[in-house]
Amino acid sequence: MSPAIIKTAAWSSQNYMILNTGKIVVLNTCLSYNLNFESDILLNDVTLSPSTEPMFLGVIIGDKLSFKPHVEFLVSKCNNQLF
């Protein structure tokens, strides 16, 4: 397991917070195409799968930290409303 995940789980436990594993999304960000990340991450006996385009507070963020997926979603939604 990643040291960042271990620290986050320990911090939440120390501060009496419960991590909702049903809402946690893993976003691997990298500008290089050659790096491989862990395919699945285990947290509290629940497997967290990575997502390439998670939604955070209504905004879709791409794995290259761009808003292109969000803009494409909005254009598609507007076109559906207009036509």
Protein backbone atom coordinates (compact mmCIF):
# COMPACT_ATOMS: atom_id res chain seq x y z
CA MET A 1 0.00 0.00 0.00
CA SER A 2 1.16 3.52 -0.76
CA PRO A 3 2.70 5.53 2.11
CA ALA A 4 0.35 8.42 1.28
CA ILE A 5 -2.70 6.16 1.71
CA ILE A 6 -1.34 4.80 5.00
CA LYS A 7 -0.78 8.35 6.30
CA THR A 8 -4.23 9.48 5.18
CA ALA A 9 -5.93 6.49 6.84
CA ALA A 10 -3.95 7.05 10.06
CA TRP A 11 -4.76 10.77 10.09
CA SER A 12 -8.47 10.17 9.56
CA SER A 13 -8.49 7.58 12.33
CA GLN A 14 -6.68 9.89 14.76
CA ASN A 15 -9.17 12.67 14.01
CA TYR A 16 -12.21 10.41 14.41
CA MET A 17 -13.10 10.56 10.73
CA ILE A 18 -14.35 7.63 8.71
CA LEU A 19 -13.25 7.31 5.10
CA ASN A 20 -16.19 6.43 2.86
CA THR A 21 -14.57 3.92 0.52
CA GLY A 22 -17.64 4.01 -1.71
CA LYS A 23 -16.88 7.61 -2.65
CA ILE A 24 -13.09 7.50 -2.83
CA VAL A 25 -11.67 7.76 -6.34
CA VAL A 26 -8.02 7.22 -7.22
CA LEU A 27 -6.62 9.58 -9.85
CA ASN A 28 -3.12 8.81 -11.09
CA THR A 29 -1.61 11.91 -12.62
CA CYS A 30 1.50 11.87 -14.74
CA LEU A 31 2.65 13.84 -17.72
CA SER A 32 4.79 10.95 -18.94
CA TYR A 33 3.23 7.98 -20.70
CA ASN A 34 5.97 5.56 -19.61
CA LEU A 35 5.14 5.30 -15.91
CA ASN A 36 2.95 2.50 -14.61
CA PHE A 37 0.97 2.84 -11.40
CA GLU A 38 -0.51 0.21 -9.14
CA SER A 39 -3.66 -1.04 -10.82
CA ASP A 40 -5.70 -1.39 -7.64
CA ILE A 41 -5.23 0.03 -4.15
CA LEU A 42 -6.52 -1.70 -1.03
CA LEU A 43 -7.96 0.44 1.78
CA ASN A 44 -9.82 -1.07 4.75
CA ASP A 45 -10.23 -4.35 2.83
CA VAL A 46 -11.90 -2.52 -0.07
CA THR A 47 -10.25 -2.35 -3.49
CA LEU A 48 -10.07 1.16 -4.93
CA SER A 49 -9.74 1.16 -8.71
CA PRO A 50 -8.17 4.11 -10.51
CA SER A 51 -10.31 6.43 -12.61
CA THR A 52 -9.13 8.43 -15.61
CA GLU A 53 -11.84 11.11 -15.37
CA PRO A 54 -13.28 11.49 -11.86
CA MET A 55 -15.85 14.14 -11.00
CA PHE A 56 -14.98 16.42 -8.08
CA LEU A 57 -17.57 18.96 -6.92
CA GLY A 58 -19.30 18.73 -10.30
CA VAL A 59 -16.13 19.24 -12.34
CA ILE A 60 -14.63 16.43 -14.40
CA ILE A 61 -10.84 16.40 -14.17
CA GLY A 62 -8.77 14.45 -16.69
CA ASP A 63 -5.79 12.30 -15.75
CA LYS A 64 -3.47 14.90 -17.28
CA LEU A 65 -5.03 17.52 -14.96
CA SER A 66 -6.90 19.18 -17.82
CA PHE A 67 -10.50 20.33 -18.00
CA LYS A 68 -10.97 19.05 -21.55
CA PRO A 69 -13.25 16.15 -20.43
CA HIS A 70 -15.39 18.63 -18.48
CA VAL A 71 -15.67 21.03 -21.42
CA GLU A 72 -16.58 18.15 -23.75
CA PHE A 73 -19.24 17.01 -21.27
CA LEU A 74 -20.71 20.52 -21.06
CA VAL A 75 -20.74 20.95 -24.85
CA SER A 76 -22.48 17.60 -25.23
CA LYS A 77 -25.03 18.50 -22.57
CA CYS A 78 -25.72 21.91 -24.15
CA ASN A 79 -26.07 20.38 -27.63
CA ASN A 80 -28.60 17.87 -26.27
CA GLN A 81 -30.63 20.71 -24.75
CA LEU A 82 -30.54 22.86 -27.90
CA PHE A 83 -31.27 20.21 -30.50
